[in-house]
Amino acid sequence: MAQFLRIRRGRIGPADVGLPTGPGIRRTPGLRREELAALAGVSVDYYIRIEQGRETAPSDAVLDALARALRLTADEHAHLLGLADHVAGRTPRRRPAGPRPPGPGLLLLLESVRPSPAYVLDEVNDVLAANPEGLALMAGLGDWPSGQRNTIRYTFLHPAARTLFADWERVARNCVAHLRTAELTAPGRTAALVAELAAASGEFAALWRRHEVWVKRAGRTAFHHPVIGSVTLANDVLSPVGDDPRVLIYQAPPHTPEHDALVLLSMTTQDVGTP
């Protein structure tokens, strides 16, 4: 929590929150501690104790005020509250979920949405199941053993990912920001994946140090696929209630060139590894 607050304080300047920058050169990047404390309505000493890790149980009201002062997004605000629960030894606001096989309903959903590529993912983006188009879209993912398939590992460590994603830098940054949200609900698996990727990829390590937080829900992703060429697909994440894993689906409207490309992709799936 202390590290998260320090990093976020360093990324927001006085002008961003309507404060004068003052004369001379500021030695502190971003807001000073006293500036953030004033914006949040807490004493400087109290905020310093929080940021130094000496205050381990700030109230939700204080955390909410800091989130507003730091202009945190809803995802970042929720992450801050979760970090506070962890530091204080309280029961997490989200109950940790362990990896478990997807149920028959989710497996049927993967089949029902074909030719749309679809995946069942756990909190750290391990691929628990995928339809054939899903494995074909992420070229080379199906060549890995099932226990190694993870979309974040794929993004940073599979050589095909660099050319597959038209905007690899954006995809990579979003992957890492999403992985931050799993620190609280799957700390062991997150730490293991972070250690692996940080040792293998300096780019991952640098992005992890930024401590950005983002929950993937929907968007659009551009691909340069070796079989179907350049295509941009909408993506949506279905999050069932409770501890069930998430479902990621890439899709395109019927009777469009993008949908035709997915049909073509589906025709190539007989040689792709099974889910």
C-alpha atoms as a PDB file:
ATOM      1  CA  MET A   1       0.000   0.000   0.000  1.00  0.00           C
ATOM      2  CA  ALA A   2       2.815   2.408   0.897  1.00  0.00           C
ATOM      3  CA  GLN A   3       4.580   1.743  -2.397  1.00  0.00           C
ATOM      4  CA  PHE A   4       1.369   2.178  -4.363  1.00  0.00           C
ATOM      5  CA  LEU A   5       0.693   5.571  -2.719  1.00  0.00           C
ATOM      6  CA  ARG A   6       4.264   6.787  -3.299  1.00  0.00           C
ATOM      7  CA  ILE A   7       4.156   5.850  -6.966  1.00  0.00           C
ATOM      8  CA  ARG A   8       0.740   7.395  -7.573  1.00  0.00           C
ATOM      9  CA  ARG A   9       1.709  10.590  -5.728  1.00  0.00           C
ATOM     10  CA  GLY A  10       4.716  10.892  -8.012  1.00  0.00           C
ATOM     11  CA  ARG A  11       2.546  10.739 -11.124  1.00  0.00           C
ATOM     12  CA  ILE A  12       0.188  13.621 -10.420  1.00  0.00           C
ATOM     13  CA  GLY A  13       1.425  17.201 -10.492  1.00  0.00           C
ATOM     14  CA  PRO A  14       0.152  20.321  -8.745  1.00  0.00           C
ATOM     15  CA  ALA A  15      -1.419  21.628 -11.945  1.00  0.00           C
ATOM     16  CA  ASP A  16      -3.444  18.408 -12.265  1.00  0.00           C
ATOM     17  CA  VAL A  17      -5.247  19.174  -9.011  1.00  0.00           C
ATOM     18  CA  GLY A  18      -5.431  22.961  -9.281  1.00  0.00           C
ATOM     19  CA  LEU A  19      -2.437  23.809  -7.093  1.00  0.00           C
ATOM     20  CA  PRO A  20       0.213  26.414  -8.006  1.00  0.00           C
ATOM     21  CA  THR A  21       3.598  24.979  -8.871  1.00  0.00           C
ATOM     22  CA  GLY A  22       5.402  27.819  -7.108  1.00  0.00           C
ATOM     23  CA  PRO A  23       8.712  29.414  -8.051  1.00  0.00           C
ATOM     24  CA  GLY A  24      11.894  27.468  -8.698  1.00  0.00           C
ATOM     25  CA  ILE A  25      12.497  23.844  -9.521  1.00  0.00           C
ATOM     26  CA  ARG A  26      10.567  21.226  -7.586  1.00  0.00           C
ATOM     27  CA  ARG A  27      12.833  18.530  -6.207  1.00  0.00           C
ATOM     28  CA  THR A  28       9.905  16.171  -5.678  1.00  0.00           C
ATOM     29  CA  PRO A  29       8.270  14.584  -8.740  1.00  0.00           C
ATOM     30  CA  GLY A  30       4.529  14.922  -8.549  1.00  0.00           C
ATOM     31  CA  LEU A  31       2.805  16.138  -5.415  1.00  0.00           C
ATOM     32  CA  ARG A  32       4.603  16.756  -2.160  1.00  0.00           C
ATOM     33  CA  ARG A  33       3.389  14.805   0.845  1.00  0.00           C
ATOM     34  CA  GLU A  34       2.031  17.927   2.483  1.00  0.00           C
ATOM     35  CA  GLU A  35       0.129  18.827  -0.694  1.00  0.00           C
ATOM     36  CA  LEU A  36      -1.516  15.414  -0.899  1.00  0.00           C
ATOM     37  CA  ALA A  37      -2.328  15.474   2.810  1.00  0.00           C
ATOM     38  CA  ALA A  38      -3.998  18.876   2.440  1.00  0.00           C
ATOM     39  CA  LEU A  39      -6.020  17.703  -0.553  1.00  0.00           C
ATOM     40  CA  ALA A  40      -7.168  14.613   1.336  1.00  0.00           C
ATOM     41  CA  GLY A  41      -7.906  16.508   4.533  1.00  0.00           C
ATOM     42  CA  VAL A  42      -5.511  14.544   6.764  1.00  0.00           C
ATOM     43  CA  SER A  43      -2.521  15.692   8.782  1.00  0.00           C
ATOM     44  CA  VAL A  44       0.896  15.546   7.166  1.00  0.00           C
ATOM     45  CA  ASP A  45       2.261  13.388   9.987  1.00  0.00           C
ATOM     46  CA  TYR A  46      -0.560  10.889   9.597  1.00  0.00           C
ATOM     47  CA  TYR A  47      -0.087  10.646   5.834  1.00  0.00           C
ATOM     48  CA  ILE A  48       3.666  10.188   6.261  1.00  0.00           C
ATOM     49  CA  ARG A  49       3.010   7.287   8.621  1.00  0.00           C
ATOM     50  CA  ILE A  50       0.768   5.683   5.987  1.00  0.00           C
ATOM     51  CA  GLU A  51       3.287   6.140   3.198  1.00  0.00           C
ATOM     52  CA  GLN A  52       6.149   4.832   5.341  1.00  0.00           C
ATOM     53  CA  GLY A  53       4.144   1.768   6.323  1.00  0.00           C
ATOM     54  CA  ARG A  54       3.908   2.723  10.002  1.00  0.00           C
ATOM     55  CA  GLU A  55       0.134   3.226   9.895  1.00  0.00           C
ATOM     56  CA  THR A  56      -1.383  -0.093   8.881  1.00  0.00           C
ATOM     57  CA  ALA A  57      -5.079   0.505   9.441  1.00  0.00           C
ATOM     58  CA  PRO A  58      -6.244   3.771   7.857  1.00  0.00           C
ATOM     59  CA  SER A  59     -10.010   4.081   7.723  1.00  0.00           C
ATOM     60  CA  ASP A  60     -12.002   3.716   4.537  1.00  0.00           C
ATOM     61  CA  ALA A  61     -12.836   7.416   4.785  1.00  0.00           C
ATOM     62  CA  VAL A  62      -9.137   8.316   4.692  1.00  0.00           C
ATOM     63  CA  LEU A  63      -8.475   5.913   1.843  1.00  0.00           C
ATOM     64  CA  ASP A  64     -11.434   7.304  -0.101  1.00  0.00           C
ATOM     65  CA  ALA A  65     -10.114  10.831   0.409  1.00  0.00           C
ATOM     66  CA  LEU A  66      -6.645   9.823  -0.790  1.00  0.00           C
ATOM     67  CA  ALA A  67      -8.152   8.114  -3.824  1.00  0.00           C
ATOM     68  CA  ARG A  68     -10.032  11.298  -4.731  1.00  0.00           C
ATOM     69  CA  ALA A  69      -6.954  13.461  -4.204  1.00  0.00           C
ATOM     70  CA  LEU A  70      -4.835  11.158  -6.361  1.00  0.00           C
ATOM     71  CA  ARG A  71      -7.512  11.015  -9.085  1.00  0.00           C
ATOM     72  CA  LEU A  72      -7.571   7.225  -8.938  1.00  0.00           C
ATOM     73  CA  THR A  73      -9.819   5.319 -11.286  1.00  0.00           C
ATOM     74  CA  ALA A  74     -12.492   3.047  -9.858  1.00  0.00           C
ATOM     75  CA  ASP A  75     -10.223   0.033 -10.422  1.00  0.00           C
ATOM     76  CA  GLU A  76      -7.284   1.756  -8.734  1.00  0.00           C
ATOM     77  CA  HIS A  77      -9.484   2.849  -5.820  1.00  0.00           C
ATOM     78  CA  ALA A  78     -10.682  -0.721  -5.304  1.00  0.00           C
ATOM     79  CA  HIS A  79      -7.081  -1.918  -5.481  1.00  0.00           C
ATOM     80  CA  LEU A  80      -6.055   0.574  -2.786  1.00  0.00           C
ATOM     81  CA  LEU A  81      -8.840  -0.671  -0.497  1.00  0.00           C
ATOM     82  CA  GLY A  82      -7.743  -4.238  -1.100  1.00  0.00           C
ATOM     83  CA  LEU A  83      -4.131  -3.397  -0.297  1.00  0.00           C
ATOM     84  CA  ALA A  84      -5.273  -1.793   2.937  1.00  0.00           C
ATOM     85  CA  ASP A  85      -7.158  -4.973   3.876  1.00  0.00           C
ATOM     86  CA  HIS A  86      -4.034  -6.999   3.192  1.00  0.00           C
ATOM     87  CA  VAL A  87      -1.764  -4.744   5.262  1.00  0.00           C
ATOM     88  CA  ALA A  88      -4.213  -4.664   8.174  1.00  0.00           C
ATOM     89  CA  GLY A  89      -4.705  -8.425   8.119  1.00  0.00           C
ATOM     90  CA  ARG A  90      -8.416  -8.080   7.450  1.00  0.00           C
ATOM     91  CA  THR A  91     -10.524 -10.459   5.399  1.00  0.00           C
ATOM     92  CA  PRO A  92     -10.153  -9.361   1.766  1.00  0.00           C
ATOM     93  CA  ARG A  93     -13.166  -7.652   0.262  1.00  0.00           C
ATOM     94  CA  ARG A  94     -13.012 -10.226  -2.513  1.00  0.00           C
ATOM     95  CA  ARG A  95     -12.693 -13.819  -1.375  1.00  0.00           C
ATOM     96  CA  PRO A  96      -9.580 -15.415  -2.915  1.00  0.00           C
ATOM     97  CA  ALA A  97     -10.413 -18.028  -5.505  1.00  0.00           C
ATOM     98  CA  GLY A  98      -8.184 -20.944  -6.333  1.00  0.00           C
ATOM     99  CA  PRO A  99      -7.820 -22.300  -9.849  1.00  0.00           C
ATOM    100  CA  ARG A 100     -10.429 -24.888 -10.721  1.00  0.00           C
ATOM    101  CA  PRO A 101     -11.589 -26.510 -13.941  1.00  0.00           C
ATOM    102  CA  PRO A 102     -14.366 -24.692 -15.783  1.00  0.00           C
ATOM    103  CA  GLY A 103     -17.790 -26.250 -15.481  1.00  0.00           C
ATOM    104  CA  PRO A 104     -19.735 -27.812 -18.350  1.00  0.00           C
ATOM    105  CA  GLY A 105     -21.723 -24.613 -18.884  1.00  0.00           C
ATOM    106  CA  LEU A 106     -18.596 -22.596 -19.656  1.00  0.00           C
ATOM    107  CA  LEU A 107     -17.260 -25.328 -21.939  1.00  0.00           C
ATOM    108  CA  LEU A 108     -20.559 -25.318 -23.808  1.00  0.00           C
ATOM    109  CA  LEU A 109     -20.350 -21.534 -24.105  1.00  0.00           C
ATOM    110  CA  LEU A 110     -16.925 -21.829 -25.764  1.00  0.00           C
ATOM    111  CA  GLU A 111     -18.425 -24.146 -28.344  1.00  0.00           C
ATOM    112  CA  SER A 112     -21.557 -22.055 -28.808  1.00  0.00           C
ATOM    113  CA  VAL A 113     -19.757 -18.831 -29.705  1.00  0.00           C
ATOM    114  CA  ARG A 114     -17.666 -20.344 -32.497  1.00  0.00           C
ATOM    115  CA  PRO A 115     -16.208 -19.078 -34.794  1.00  0.00           C
ATOM    116  CA  SER A 116     -15.495 -16.347 -32.237  1.00  0.00           C
ATOM    117  CA  PRO A 117     -12.245 -17.102 -30.403  1.00  0.00           C
ATOM    118  CA  ALA A 118     -12.948 -17.581 -26.694  1.00  0.00           C
ATOM    119  CA  TYR A 119     -11.023 -18.477 -23.542  1.00  0.00           C
ATOM    120  CA  VAL A 120     -11.776 -19.332 -19.923  1.00  0.00           C
ATOM    121  CA  LEU A 121      -9.220 -17.504 -17.768  1.00  0.00           C
ATOM    122  CA  ASP A 122      -8.417 -17.514 -14.080  1.00  0.00           C
ATOM    123  CA  GLU A 123      -7.293 -14.461 -12.121  1.00  0.00           C
ATOM    124  CA  VAL A 124      -3.695 -14.526 -13.399  1.00  0.00           C
ATOM    125  CA  ASN A 125      -4.864 -15.265 -16.972  1.00  0.00           C
ATOM    126  CA  ASP A 126      -3.982 -18.945 -17.021  1.00  0.00           C
ATOM    127  CA  VAL A 127      -5.977 -20.440 -19.886  1.00  0.00           C
ATOM    128  CA  LEU A 128      -8.218 -23.026 -18.234  1.00  0.00           C
ATOM    129  CA  ALA A 129      -9.926 -23.807 -21.537  1.00  0.00           C
ATOM    130  CA  ALA A 130     -10.172 -22.371 -25.035  1.00  0.00           C
ATOM    131  CA  ASN A 131     -12.086 -23.184 -28.174  1.00  0.00           C
ATOM    132  CA  PRO A 132     -10.084 -24.094 -31.285  1.00  0.00           C
ATOM    133  CA  GLU A 133     -10.404 -20.573 -32.705  1.00  0.00           C
ATOM    134  CA  GLY A 134      -9.004 -19.160 -29.472  1.00  0.00           C
ATOM    135  CA  LEU A 135      -5.864 -21.224 -29.776  1.00  0.00           C
ATOM    136  CA  ALA A 136      -5.603 -20.416 -33.474  1.00  0.00           C
ATOM    137  CA  LEU A 137      -5.963 -16.658 -32.945  1.00  0.00           C
ATOM    138  CA  MET A 138      -3.003 -16.530 -30.541  1.00  0.00           C
ATOM    139  CA  ALA A 139      -0.675 -18.216 -32.968  1.00  0.00           C
ATOM    140  CA  GLY A 140       1.594 -20.682 -31.191  1.00  0.00           C
ATOM    141  CA  LEU A 141      -0.305 -20.748 -27.895  1.00  0.00           C
ATOM    142  CA  GLY A 142      -1.646 -24.212 -28.675  1.00  0.00           C
ATOM    143  CA  ASP A 143       1.926 -25.518 -29.088  1.00  0.00           C
ATOM    144  CA  TRP A 144       2.541 -24.971 -25.372  1.00  0.00           C
ATOM    145  CA  PRO A 145       1.481 -27.621 -22.830  1.00  0.00           C
ATOM    146  CA  SER A 146      -1.895 -26.828 -21.293  1.00  0.00           C
ATOM    147  CA  GLY A 147      -0.337 -25.966 -17.928  1.00  0.00           C
ATOM    148  CA  GLN A 148       1.894 -23.329 -19.513  1.00  0.00           C
ATOM    149  CA  ARG A 149      -0.810 -21.487 -21.449  1.00  0.00           C
ATOM    150  CA  ASN A 150      -1.261 -18.023 -20.016  1.00  0.00           C
ATOM    151  CA  THR A 151      -2.114 -14.944 -22.066  1.00  0.00           C
ATOM    152  CA  ILE A 152       0.291 -12.687 -20.131  1.00  0.00           C
ATOM    153  CA  ARG A 153       3.141 -15.194 -20.446  1.00  0.00           C
ATOM    154  CA  TYR A 154       2.276 -15.451 -24.134  1.00  0.00           C
ATOM    155  CA  THR A 155       2.380 -11.677 -24.601  1.00  0.00           C
ATOM    156  CA  PHE A 156       5.872 -11.310 -23.148  1.00  0.00           C
ATOM    157  CA  LEU A 157       7.595 -14.617 -23.871  1.00  0.00           C
ATOM    158  CA  HIS A 158       6.158 -16.052 -27.088  1.00  0.00           C
ATOM    159  CA  PRO A 159       8.007 -14.658 -30.126  1.00  0.00           C
ATOM    160  CA  ALA A 160       4.829 -14.639 -32.230  1.00  0.00           C
ATOM    161  CA  ALA A 161       3.127 -12.147 -29.900  1.00  0.00           C
ATOM    162  CA  ARG A 162       5.348  -9.257 -30.971  1.00  0.00           C
ATOM    163  CA  THR A 163       3.984  -9.349 -34.497  1.00  0.00           C
ATOM    164  CA  LEU A 164       0.530 -10.726 -33.711  1.00  0.00           C
ATOM    165  CA  PHE A 165      -0.585  -7.703 -31.681  1.00  0.00           C
ATOM    166  CA  ALA A 166      -0.559  -4.597 -33.863  1.00  0.00           C
ATOM    167  CA  ASP A 167      -0.068  -2.425 -30.747  1.00  0.00           C
ATOM    168  CA  TRP A 168       2.035  -4.758 -28.637  1.00  0.00           C
ATOM    169  CA  GLU A 169       3.055  -2.025 -26.182  1.00  0.00           C
ATOM    170  CA  ARG A 170      -0.558  -1.230 -25.278  1.00  0.00           C
ATOM    171  CA  VAL A 171      -1.467  -4.900 -24.919  1.00  0.00           C
ATOM    172  CA  ALA A 172       1.585  -5.518 -22.738  1.00  0.00           C
ATOM    173  CA  ARG A 173       0.872  -2.558 -20.489  1.00  0.00           C
ATOM    174  CA  ASN A 174      -2.756  -3.595 -20.038  1.00  0.00           C
ATOM    175  CA  CYS A 175      -1.728  -7.169 -19.244  1.00  0.00           C
ATOM    176  CA  VAL A 176       0.560  -6.045 -16.435  1.00  0.00           C
ATOM    177  CA  ALA A 177      -1.963  -3.556 -15.075  1.00  0.00           C
ATOM    178  CA  HIS A 178      -4.579  -6.310 -14.963  1.00  0.00           C
ATOM    179  CA  LEU A 179      -2.178  -8.723 -13.249  1.00  0.00           C
ATOM    180  CA  ARG A 180      -1.826  -6.171 -10.428  1.00  0.00           C
ATOM    181  CA  THR A 181      -5.468  -6.798  -9.540  1.00  0.00           C
ATOM    182  CA  ALA A 182      -4.682 -10.458  -8.810  1.00  0.00           C
ATOM    183  CA  GLU A 183      -2.131  -9.634  -6.097  1.00  0.00           C
ATOM    184  CA  LEU A 184      -4.847  -9.614  -3.447  1.00  0.00           C
ATOM    185  CA  THR A 185      -7.019 -12.504  -4.577  1.00  0.00           C
ATOM    186  CA  ALA A 186      -4.318 -14.886  -5.832  1.00  0.00           C
ATOM    187  CA  PRO A 187      -1.096 -13.673  -4.161  1.00  0.00           C
ATOM    188  CA  GLY A 188       0.872 -16.898  -4.471  1.00  0.00           C
ATOM    189  CA  ARG A 189       0.138 -17.513  -8.139  1.00  0.00           C
ATOM    190  CA  THR A 190       0.655 -13.843  -8.933  1.00  0.00           C
ATOM    191  CA  ALA A 191       4.041 -13.756  -7.201  1.00  0.00           C
ATOM    192  CA  ALA A 192       5.187 -16.877  -9.041  1.00  0.00           C
ATOM    193  CA  LEU A 193       4.176 -15.508 -12.445  1.00  0.00           C
ATOM    194  CA  VAL A 194       5.688 -12.092 -11.705  1.00  0.00           C
ATOM    195  CA  ALA A 195       9.000 -13.670 -10.661  1.00  0.00           C
ATOM    196  CA  GLU A 196       9.106 -15.758 -13.828  1.00  0.00           C
ATOM    197  CA  LEU A 197       8.279 -12.912 -16.198  1.00  0.00           C
ATOM    198  CA  ALA A 198      10.451 -10.311 -14.451  1.00  0.00           C
ATOM    199  CA  ALA A 199      13.460 -12.637 -14.736  1.00  0.00           C
ATOM    200  CA  ALA A 200      12.795 -13.283 -18.429  1.00  0.00           C
ATOM    201  CA  SER A 201      11.657  -9.831 -19.595  1.00  0.00           C
ATOM    202  CA  GLY A 202      13.068  -6.456 -18.668  1.00  0.00           C
ATOM    203  CA  GLU A 203      10.019  -4.857 -20.270  1.00  0.00           C
ATOM    204  CA  PHE A 204       7.707  -6.751 -17.950  1.00  0.00           C
ATOM    205  CA  ALA A 205       9.814  -5.827 -14.919  1.00  0.00           C
ATOM    206  CA  ALA A 206       9.724  -2.133 -15.860  1.00  0.00           C
ATOM    207  CA  LEU A 207       5.954  -2.172 -16.358  1.00  0.00           C
ATOM    208  CA  TRP A 208       5.407  -4.029 -13.075  1.00  0.00           C
ATOM    209  CA  ARG A 209       7.319  -1.320 -11.204  1.00  0.00           C
ATOM    210  CA  ARG A 210       4.871   1.280 -12.515  1.00  0.00           C
ATOM    211  CA  HIS A 211       2.175  -0.217 -10.282  1.00  0.00           C
ATOM    212  CA  GLU A 212      -0.642   0.568 -12.714  1.00  0.00           C
ATOM    213  CA  VAL A 213      -4.011  -1.055 -12.072  1.00  0.00           C
ATOM    214  CA  TRP A 214      -6.655  -1.841 -14.681  1.00  0.00           C
ATOM    215  CA  VAL A 215      -9.443  -4.389 -14.980  1.00  0.00           C
ATOM    216  CA  LYS A 216     -10.066  -5.659 -18.492  1.00  0.00           C
ATOM    217  CA  ARG A 217     -13.761  -5.594 -19.351  1.00  0.00           C
ATOM    218  CA  ALA A 218     -14.172  -4.729 -23.038  1.00  0.00           C
ATOM    219  CA  GLY A 219     -12.339  -3.089 -25.895  1.00  0.00           C
ATOM    220  CA  ARG A 220     -10.921  -3.623 -29.360  1.00  0.00           C
ATOM    221  CA  THR A 221      -7.686  -5.372 -30.328  1.00  0.00           C
ATOM    222  CA  ALA A 222      -5.889  -5.154 -33.660  1.00  0.00           C
ATOM    223  CA  PHE A 223      -4.083  -8.247 -34.917  1.00  0.00           C
ATOM    224  CA  HIS A 224      -1.607  -8.989 -37.687  1.00  0.00           C
ATOM    225  CA  HIS A 225      -2.362 -12.696 -37.953  1.00  0.00           C
ATOM    226  CA  PRO A 226      -0.208 -15.008 -40.099  1.00  0.00           C
ATOM    227  CA  VAL A 227      -3.279 -16.714 -41.620  1.00  0.00           C
ATOM    228  CA  ILE A 228      -6.138 -14.190 -41.692  1.00  0.00           C
ATOM    229  CA  GLY A 229      -4.038 -11.030 -42.017  1.00  0.00           C
ATOM    230  CA  SER A 230      -4.818  -7.695 -40.380  1.00  0.00           C
ATOM    231  CA  VAL A 231      -8.083  -7.651 -38.453  1.00  0.00           C
ATOM    232  CA  THR A 232      -9.496  -5.658 -35.536  1.00  0.00           C
ATOM    233  CA  LEU A 233     -11.851  -7.525 -33.215  1.00  0.00           C
ATOM    234  CA  ALA A 234     -14.067  -6.426 -30.367  1.00  0.00           C
ATOM    235  CA  ASN A 235     -13.375  -8.188 -27.100  1.00  0.00           C
ATOM    236  CA  ASP A 236     -15.633  -8.672 -24.111  1.00  0.00           C
ATOM    237  CA  VAL A 237     -15.012 -10.240 -20.719  1.00  0.00           C
ATOM    238  CA  LEU A 238     -17.839 -12.112 -19.013  1.00  0.00           C
ATOM    239  CA  SER A 239     -17.395 -12.320 -15.241  1.00  0.00           C
ATOM    240  CA  PRO A 240     -19.779 -14.801 -13.641  1.00  0.00           C
ATOM    241  CA  VAL A 241     -20.896 -14.234 -10.073  1.00  0.00           C
ATOM    242  CA  GLY A 242     -18.781 -15.776  -7.319  1.00  0.00           C
ATOM    243  CA  ASP A 243     -15.510 -17.610  -7.846  1.00  0.00           C
ATOM    244  CA  ASP A 244     -16.133 -18.754 -11.409  1.00  0.00           C
ATOM    245  CA  PRO A 245     -13.407 -17.864 -13.898  1.00  0.00           C
ATOM    246  CA  ARG A 246     -13.771 -15.186 -16.542  1.00  0.00           C
ATOM    247  CA  VAL A 247     -14.599 -15.740 -20.207  1.00  0.00           C
ATOM    248  CA  LEU A 248     -12.798 -13.651 -22.845  1.00  0.00           C
ATOM    249  CA  ILE A 249     -14.425 -13.537 -26.289  1.00  0.00           C
ATOM    250  CA  TYR A 250     -13.162 -11.871 -29.476  1.00  0.00           C
ATOM    251  CA  GLN A 251     -15.937 -11.250 -31.982  1.00  0.00           C
ATOM    252  CA  ALA A 252     -17.127  -9.350 -35.019  1.00  0.00           C
ATOM    253  CA  PRO A 253     -20.596  -8.532 -36.408  1.00  0.00           C
ATOM    254  CA  PRO A 254     -21.957 -11.031 -38.965  1.00  0.00           C
ATOM    255  CA  HIS A 255     -21.589 -10.235 -42.667  1.00  0.00           C
ATOM    256  CA  THR A 256     -18.458  -8.132 -42.120  1.00  0.00           C
ATOM    257  CA  PRO A 257     -14.926  -8.747 -43.414  1.00  0.00           C
ATOM    258  CA  GLU A 258     -13.828  -9.305 -39.816  1.00  0.00           C
ATOM    259  CA  HIS A 259     -16.413 -12.058 -39.307  1.00  0.00           C
ATOM    260  CA  ASP A 260     -15.392 -13.623 -42.605  1.00  0.00           C
ATOM    261  CA  ALA A 261     -11.828 -13.644 -41.297  1.00  0.00           C
ATOM    262  CA  LEU A 262     -12.966 -15.534 -38.191  1.00  0.00           C
ATOM    263  CA  VAL A 263     -14.745 -18.089 -40.357  1.00  0.00           C
ATOM    264  CA  LEU A 264     -11.504 -18.538 -42.288  1.00  0.00           C
ATOM    265  CA  LEU A 265      -9.622 -18.896 -39.004  1.00  0.00           C
ATOM    266  CA  SER A 266     -12.080 -21.584 -37.909  1.00  0.00           C
ATOM    267  CA  MET A 267     -11.360 -23.554 -41.077  1.00  0.00           C
ATOM    268  CA  THR A 268      -7.698 -23.839 -40.021  1.00  0.00           C
ATOM    269  CA  THR A 269      -8.281 -25.147 -36.517  1.00  0.00           C
ATOM    270  CA  GLN A 270      -8.031 -28.873 -37.117  1.00  0.00           C
ATOM    271  CA  ASP A 271      -4.251 -28.661 -36.710  1.00  0.00           C
ATOM    272  CA  VAL A 272      -4.321 -26.566 -33.534  1.00  0.00           C
ATOM    273  CA  GLY A 273      -3.670 -28.142 -30.102  1.00  0.00           C
ATOM    274  CA  THR A 274      -6.717 -29.100 -28.085  1.00  0.00           C
ATOM    275  CA  PRO A 275      -7.904 -27.029 -25.091  1.00  0.00           C
END
